[in-house]
N, C-alpha and C. Protein backbone atom coordinates (compact mmCIF):
# COMPACT_ATOMS: atom_id res chain seq x y z
N MET A 1 117.64 258.71 72.19
CA MET A 1 118.54 257.91 71.39
C MET A 1 119.86 258.46 70.66
N ARG A 2 121.14 258.39 70.95
CA ARG A 2 122.42 258.64 71.06
C ARG A 2 122.92 257.64 69.62
N ILE A 3 123.85 257.71 68.79
CA ILE A 3 124.68 256.42 68.00
C ILE A 3 125.84 256.90 67.11
N VAL A 4 126.57 255.46 66.83
CA VAL A 4 126.92 255.68 66.07
C VAL A 4 127.53 255.51 64.87
N LEU A 5 127.39 255.59 63.57
CA LEU A 5 126.67 255.74 62.18
C LEU A 5 128.61 255.52 61.26
N ASP A 6 128.84 254.29 60.96
CA ASP A 6 129.77 254.07 60.06
C ASP A 6 129.60 254.72 58.81
N THR A 7 130.64 254.88 58.57
CA THR A 7 130.51 255.90 56.55
C THR A 7 129.74 255.26 56.49
N ASN A 8 129.93 253.85 55.57
CA ASN A 8 129.52 253.25 55.00
C ASN A 8 127.66 253.53 55.13
N CYS A 9 127.22 253.27 56.10
CA CYS A 9 125.65 253.35 56.61
C CYS A 9 125.51 254.68 56.46
N LEU A 10 126.46 255.97 56.64
CA LEU A 10 126.24 257.95 56.19
C LEU A 10 126.19 257.97 55.26
N LEU A 11 127.07 257.37 53.78
CA LEU A 11 127.37 257.41 52.85
C LEU A 11 126.37 257.19 51.75
N ALA A 12 125.39 256.26 52.59
CA ALA A 12 124.21 254.89 51.89
C ALA A 12 122.93 255.99 52.30
N SER A 13 122.93 256.69 53.45
CA SER A 13 122.23 257.44 54.04
C SER A 13 121.69 258.69 53.54
N LEU A 14 122.52 258.80 52.33
CA LEU A 14 122.83 261.05 51.65
C LEU A 14 121.76 260.85 50.82
N SER A 15 121.01 259.71 49.37
CA SER A 15 120.94 260.04 48.29
C SER A 15 119.33 259.93 48.24
N LYS A 16 118.62 261.56 48.28
CA LYS A 16 117.02 261.19 48.07
C LYS A 16 116.42 260.32 47.83
N ARG A 17 117.10 260.37 47.09
CA ARG A 17 116.66 258.23 46.23
C ARG A 17 115.94 257.01 46.66
N GLY A 18 117.53 257.36 47.69
CA GLY A 18 118.37 255.67 48.47
C GLY A 18 116.79 254.88 49.71
N ALA A 19 117.49 254.54 50.30
CA ALA A 19 116.19 253.49 50.55
C ALA A 19 116.36 254.01 52.51
N TYR A 20 117.25 254.56 52.39
CA TYR A 20 117.78 255.09 53.85
C TYR A 20 117.64 256.01 53.88
N PHE A 21 117.53 257.23 53.34
CA PHE A 21 117.22 258.46 53.37
C PHE A 21 116.65 259.13 54.56
N ASN A 22 115.83 257.93 55.30
CA ASN A 22 114.60 258.26 57.11
C ASN A 22 116.21 258.60 57.30
N VAL A 23 117.26 257.65 57.65
CA VAL A 23 117.98 258.40 58.38
C VAL A 23 119.15 259.24 58.93
N TRP A 24 119.29 260.12 57.10
CA TRP A 24 119.59 260.78 56.57
C TRP A 24 118.66 262.38 57.89
N ARG A 25 117.01 262.33 56.45
CA ARG A 25 116.29 263.36 57.29
C ARG A 25 116.59 262.84 58.99
N GLY A 26 116.26 261.60 58.91
CA GLY A 26 115.27 261.21 61.23
C GLY A 26 116.63 262.32 61.50
N LEU A 27 118.05 262.38 61.07
CA LEU A 27 119.17 262.82 62.17
C LEU A 27 118.96 264.83 62.01
N GLN A 28 118.51 265.48 61.07
CA GLN A 28 118.01 266.80 60.75
C GLN A 28 116.15 266.78 61.55
N GLU A 29 116.14 265.83 61.42
CA GLU A 29 114.55 266.14 62.37
C GLU A 29 114.85 265.88 64.36
N GLY A 30 116.11 265.39 64.02
CA GLY A 30 116.22 265.30 65.02
C GLY A 30 115.84 263.69 66.07
N LYS A 31 115.62 263.38 65.33
CA LYS A 31 114.75 261.85 65.47
C LYS A 31 116.31 261.02 67.04
N TYR A 32 117.43 261.46 66.41
CA TYR A 32 118.85 261.22 68.16
C TYR A 32 120.01 261.76 67.31
N THR A 33 120.40 261.79 68.22
CA THR A 33 121.91 262.04 68.45
C THR A 33 123.28 261.23 67.94
N LEU A 34 124.12 261.96 66.69
CA LEU A 34 124.89 260.84 66.56
C LEU A 34 126.05 261.61 66.55
N CYS A 35 126.54 261.18 67.60
CA CYS A 35 128.04 260.73 67.95
C CYS A 35 129.09 261.10 66.99
N VAL A 36 129.92 261.73 67.25
CA VAL A 36 130.72 261.15 65.66
C VAL A 36 132.83 262.42 66.18
N SER A 37 133.33 261.43 66.41
CA SER A 37 134.69 261.98 66.72
C SER A 37 135.36 262.70 65.33
N ASN A 38 136.19 263.77 65.88
CA ASN A 38 137.16 263.99 64.65
C ASN A 38 137.70 263.11 63.63
N GLU A 39 137.92 262.17 64.46
CA GLU A 39 138.49 260.77 63.78
C GLU A 39 137.53 260.60 62.75
N VAL A 40 136.23 260.26 63.94
CA VAL A 40 134.86 259.94 62.45
C VAL A 40 135.04 260.61 61.22
N LEU A 41 134.48 261.51 61.87
CA LEU A 41 134.32 263.26 60.65
C LEU A 41 136.02 263.07 59.71
N GLU A 42 136.94 263.00 59.76
CA GLU A 42 137.74 263.32 58.39
C GLU A 42 137.87 261.89 57.80
N GLU A 43 137.65 260.30 58.56
CA GLU A 43 137.07 259.42 57.51
C GLU A 43 135.73 259.68 56.72
N TYR A 44 134.31 260.17 57.10
CA TYR A 44 133.29 260.93 56.74
C TYR A 44 134.43 261.43 55.55
N GLU A 45 135.16 262.27 55.80
CA GLU A 45 134.57 263.58 54.38
C GLU A 45 136.08 262.30 53.16
N GLU A 46 136.82 262.06 54.30
CA GLU A 46 137.87 260.81 53.03
C GLU A 46 136.92 260.64 51.83
N ILE A 47 135.99 258.71 52.88
CA ILE A 47 135.48 258.56 51.74
C ILE A 47 134.51 259.07 51.64
N ILE A 48 133.77 260.39 51.79
CA ILE A 48 132.60 261.00 50.77
C ILE A 48 133.03 261.66 49.91
N ALA A 49 134.57 262.02 49.65
CA ALA A 49 134.86 262.17 48.72
C ALA A 49 135.08 261.65 47.64
N GLN A 50 136.13 261.09 47.89
CA GLN A 50 136.06 259.58 47.20
C GLN A 50 135.37 259.46 45.97
N LYS A 51 133.74 258.27 47.14
CA LYS A 51 132.87 258.23 46.41
C LYS A 51 131.54 259.17 45.00
N THR A 52 131.97 260.45 45.94
CA THR A 52 130.87 261.31 45.22
C THR A 52 132.17 262.91 44.62
N ASN A 53 131.86 263.55 45.72
CA ASN A 53 133.67 264.90 45.64
C ASN A 53 133.72 265.54 46.30
N SER A 54 134.86 266.27 46.32
CA SER A 54 135.62 267.43 47.24
C SER A 54 134.16 268.35 48.32
N THR A 55 134.22 268.90 47.12
CA THR A 55 132.82 269.50 47.05
C THR A 55 131.63 268.94 48.53
N ILE A 56 131.22 267.62 47.86
CA ILE A 56 130.06 267.43 48.51
C ILE A 56 129.87 266.50 49.86
N ALA A 57 131.11 266.35 50.13
CA ALA A 57 131.97 265.90 50.56
C ALA A 57 132.35 266.95 51.81
N SER A 58 132.68 268.51 51.75
CA SER A 58 132.96 269.44 52.75
C SER A 58 131.49 269.88 52.87
N ASN A 59 130.52 269.69 52.34
CA ASN A 59 129.25 270.12 52.32
C ASN A 59 128.39 269.15 53.80
N VAL A 60 129.24 267.81 53.42
CA VAL A 60 128.19 266.94 54.42
C VAL A 60 129.19 267.23 55.86
N ILE A 61 130.07 267.26 55.94
CA ILE A 61 130.64 267.56 57.36
C ILE A 61 130.28 269.05 57.54
N GLN A 62 129.83 270.46 56.53
CA GLN A 62 129.59 271.64 57.24
C GLN A 62 128.14 271.59 58.13
N THR A 63 127.23 270.33 57.31
CA THR A 63 125.68 269.83 58.00
C THR A 63 126.18 269.50 59.26
N LEU A 64 127.01 268.05 59.15
CA LEU A 64 126.98 267.70 60.67
C LEU A 64 127.61 268.60 61.75
N LEU A 65 128.63 269.66 61.28
CA LEU A 65 129.17 270.47 62.92
C LEU A 65 128.01 271.05 62.98
N ASN A 66 127.19 271.13 61.91
CA ASN A 66 126.45 272.38 62.47
C ASN A 66 124.51 272.13 63.26
N ALA A 67 124.49 271.00 62.82
CA ALA A 67 123.33 270.26 63.48
C ALA A 67 123.71 270.09 64.79
N PRO A 68 121.81 270.63 65.12
CA PRO A 68 122.58 270.31 66.77
C PRO A 68 122.20 268.98 67.03
N SER A 69 121.73 268.12 66.57
CA SER A 69 121.72 266.66 67.00
C SER A 69 123.09 265.61 66.69
N VAL A 70 124.21 266.80 66.35
CA VAL A 70 125.07 266.13 66.79
C VAL A 70 126.58 266.61 66.47
N GLU A 71 126.71 265.57 68.29
CA GLU A 71 127.23 265.79 69.44
C GLU A 71 129.19 265.27 68.60
N LEU A 72 129.91 267.03 69.05
CA LEU A 72 132.09 265.67 68.72
C LEU A 72 131.93 265.44 70.27
N ILE A 73 132.75 263.99 70.26
CA ILE A 73 133.51 263.78 71.41
C ILE A 73 133.94 262.95 71.36
N ASP A 74 134.62 263.43 72.57
CA ASP A 74 136.85 262.75 73.00
C ASP A 74 136.64 262.30 72.91
N THR A 75 137.75 261.38 72.35
CA THR A 75 138.40 259.58 72.64
C THR A 75 139.52 260.69 73.16
N PHE A 76 139.65 260.06 74.38
CA PHE A 76 140.58 259.75 75.01
C PHE A 76 141.19 258.04 75.49
N PHE A 77 140.88 257.16 75.25
CA PHE A 77 141.15 256.32 74.65
C PHE A 77 141.81 255.26 74.06
N ARG A 78 141.87 253.69 73.55
CA ARG A 78 141.34 253.19 72.83
C ARG A 78 141.42 251.46 72.98
N PHE A 79 140.58 251.34 72.80
CA PHE A 79 140.21 250.04 73.38
C PHE A 79 140.33 249.34 72.61
N ASN A 80 141.30 248.97 71.13
CA ASN A 80 141.16 248.12 69.84
C ASN A 80 140.02 246.69 70.10
N LEU A 81 139.51 247.05 70.32
CA LEU A 81 137.85 245.87 70.42
C LEU A 81 137.79 245.26 69.17
N ILE A 82 138.41 245.59 67.87
CA ILE A 82 138.07 245.32 66.83
C ILE A 82 139.24 244.93 65.75
N LYS A 83 139.95 243.63 66.23
CA LYS A 83 141.11 243.20 65.71
C LYS A 83 141.31 243.77 64.30
N ASP A 84 140.32 242.73 63.80
CA ASP A 84 140.74 242.43 61.27
C ASP A 84 140.28 243.35 61.31
N ASP A 85 139.61 244.44 61.53
CA ASP A 85 140.17 245.93 60.66
C ASP A 85 140.27 246.99 61.94
N PRO A 86 142.11 247.02 61.99
CA PRO A 86 142.30 248.05 63.91
C PRO A 86 140.76 249.54 63.20
N ASP A 87 141.50 249.71 61.40
CA ASP A 87 140.20 250.97 61.18
C ASP A 87 138.80 251.14 62.19
N ASP A 88 138.35 250.54 62.16
CA ASP A 88 136.87 250.36 62.67
C ASP A 88 136.89 250.66 64.31
N ASN A 89 137.80 250.47 64.54
CA ASN A 89 137.76 251.30 66.37
C ASN A 89 137.70 252.64 66.24
N LYS A 90 137.86 253.39 65.59
CA LYS A 90 137.51 255.14 66.29
C LYS A 90 136.71 254.49 66.62
N PHE A 91 135.53 254.49 65.52
CA PHE A 91 133.84 254.28 65.86
C PHE A 91 132.68 253.34 67.05
N VAL A 92 134.01 252.31 67.06
CA VAL A 92 133.67 251.98 68.49
C VAL A 92 134.31 252.74 70.26
N ASP A 93 135.52 253.65 69.84
CA ASP A 93 135.47 253.97 71.73
C ASP A 93 135.70 255.43 70.93
N CYS A 94 134.41 256.49 69.47
CA CYS A 94 133.54 256.85 70.06
C CYS A 94 132.26 256.78 70.61
N ALA A 95 131.34 255.27 70.86
CA ALA A 95 130.38 254.98 70.79
C ALA A 95 130.57 254.50 72.20
N ILE A 96 132.14 254.18 72.90
CA ILE A 96 132.03 254.60 74.08
C ILE A 96 131.89 255.49 74.83
N ALA A 97 132.95 256.84 74.69
CA ALA A 97 133.16 257.75 74.72
C ALA A 97 131.55 258.58 74.82
N GLY A 98 130.73 258.64 74.28
CA GLY A 98 129.99 259.03 73.71
C GLY A 98 128.43 258.76 73.74
N ASN A 99 128.61 257.50 75.41
CA ASN A 99 127.64 256.22 75.89
C ASN A 99 126.48 256.71 74.73
N ALA A 100 127.02 255.83 73.84
CA ALA A 100 126.20 255.83 72.35
C ALA A 100 125.10 254.32 72.89
N THR A 101 123.92 254.65 72.54
CA THR A 101 122.90 253.73 72.42
C THR A 101 123.28 252.12 71.56
N PHE A 102 123.49 252.89 70.87
CA PHE A 102 124.32 251.60 69.90
C PHE A 102 125.32 252.41 68.62
N ILE A 103 126.12 251.67 67.97
CA ILE A 103 126.84 251.07 66.69
C ILE A 103 125.86 250.63 65.02
N VAL A 104 125.77 251.64 64.49
CA VAL A 104 124.58 251.54 63.59
C VAL A 104 125.98 251.18 62.10
N SER A 105 126.01 249.65 61.99
CA SER A 105 126.86 248.78 60.53
C SER A 105 126.39 247.99 60.58
N ASN A 106 127.01 248.49 58.79
CA ASN A 106 126.89 246.31 57.56
C ASN A 106 128.36 245.93 58.14
N ASP A 107 129.27 246.18 58.50
CA ASP A 107 130.57 245.37 58.29
C ASP A 107 130.60 244.62 59.69
N THR A 108 130.77 243.44 58.55
CA THR A 108 131.21 242.12 59.65
C THR A 108 132.05 242.48 59.96
N HIS A 109 133.28 243.32 60.39
CA HIS A 109 134.25 243.19 61.23
C HIS A 109 133.62 243.29 62.73
N PHE A 110 132.70 244.66 62.96
CA PHE A 110 132.04 244.73 64.16
C PHE A 110 130.79 243.95 65.24
N ASN A 111 131.41 242.65 63.44
CA ASN A 111 130.38 241.15 64.82
C ASN A 111 131.39 240.45 66.38
N ILE A 112 132.32 241.01 66.17
CA ILE A 112 132.66 241.09 67.65
C ILE A 112 132.35 241.71 68.64
N LEU A 113 132.19 243.04 68.61
CA LEU A 113 131.43 243.50 69.77
C LEU A 113 129.77 242.61 69.96
N ARG A 114 129.24 241.35 69.48
CA ARG A 114 127.98 240.95 70.18
C ARG A 114 129.19 239.76 71.17
N GLU A 115 129.82 239.16 70.76
CA GLU A 115 131.37 238.28 71.76
C GLU A 115 131.59 239.25 73.69
N ILE A 116 131.53 240.87 72.93
CA ILE A 116 131.81 240.92 74.36
C ILE A 116 131.26 241.67 75.58
N ASP A 117 131.55 241.32 76.73
CA ASP A 117 130.49 241.72 77.24
C ASP A 117 130.77 242.84 77.94
N PHE A 118 132.04 243.33 77.67
CA PHE A 118 132.23 244.84 78.41
C PHE A 118 134.03 245.35 77.85
N PRO A 119 133.16 246.41 77.69
CA PRO A 119 131.86 247.37 77.32
C PRO A 119 130.54 247.06 76.42
N LYS A 120 129.73 247.00 76.55
CA LYS A 120 128.92 246.03 76.04
C LYS A 120 128.54 247.28 75.62
N LEU A 121 128.36 246.73 73.92
CA LEU A 121 128.04 247.29 72.36
C LEU A 121 127.00 246.51 71.81
N ILE A 122 126.00 247.86 71.31
CA ILE A 122 124.85 247.36 70.96
C ILE A 122 124.63 247.53 69.48
N LEU A 123 125.33 246.43 68.61
CA LEU A 123 125.23 246.37 67.02
C LEU A 123 123.94 246.92 66.03
N LYS A 124 123.32 247.16 65.21
CA LYS A 124 122.48 247.24 64.02
C LYS A 124 122.42 247.28 63.16
N SER A 125 122.69 246.45 62.77
CA SER A 125 122.46 247.16 61.31
C SER A 125 121.48 247.90 60.65
N LEU A 126 121.62 249.49 59.16
CA LEU A 126 121.91 250.14 58.86
C LEU A 126 120.03 249.57 58.73
N GLN A 127 119.67 248.60 58.44
CA GLN A 127 118.68 248.23 57.62
C GLN A 127 117.07 248.65 58.72
N GLU A 128 118.01 247.28 60.54
CA GLU A 128 117.42 247.73 61.78
C GLU A 128 116.96 249.06 62.00
N PHE A 129 118.02 250.14 62.17
CA PHE A 129 118.56 251.27 62.22
C PHE A 129 116.59 251.97 62.32
N SER A 130 117.02 252.29 60.10
CA SER A 130 116.10 252.55 59.25
C SER A 130 114.43 252.14 60.13
N ALA A 131 114.88 250.86 60.25
CA ALA A 131 113.13 250.51 60.46
C ALA A 131 112.41 250.96 61.73
N MET A 132 113.62 251.05 62.34
CA MET A 132 113.65 252.14 63.83
C MET A 132 113.41 253.14 63.82
N LEU A 133 113.33 253.77 63.04
CA LEU A 133 112.52 254.99 62.43
C LEU A 133 111.36 255.24 62.34
N GLN A 134 111.04 254.19 61.13
CA GLN A 134 110.15 254.18 60.74
C GLN A 134 109.24 254.29 61.73
N ASN A 135 109.54 252.54 62.32
CA ASN A 135 108.63 252.46 63.30
C ASN A 135 108.81 252.42 64.80
N PRO A 136 109.25 253.51 64.77
CA PRO A 136 109.78 254.06 67.18
C PRO A 136 108.88 252.21 68.18
N GLU A 137 108.35 251.56 67.74
CA GLU A 137 107.87 251.07 68.45
C GLU A 137 108.92 249.27 68.70
N LEU A 138 109.10 249.63 67.61
CA LEU A 138 110.28 248.56 67.41
C LEU A 138 111.42 248.81 68.14
């Protein structure tokens, strides 16, 4: 299973005491492949540094870059499918270029993807994805 994880979902998965730590642990255990682009990594680092500090942000990025279940994707085309928040398009472009199974996000701007037939992208909430990892039969 190949996914793109939006920044807030990644952030929510980092705390060992958090409800979604199984998402971070699942990545470390190779339960799924995380597709990232340079743009996605830059946003991860920026937002994690804002919410925590630059050392933690750097450590998370290094962990991602060294993880065998993380794939760096080159995005050559901008689809611009999300008009209300164009900054979110980096995740969409990464998902398309990386042939991701779905995008994991709780951001309502991504809901437009449910209405677009091509390219078809499946959207999962963090809660849905976390439940899938706990019970693969979902």
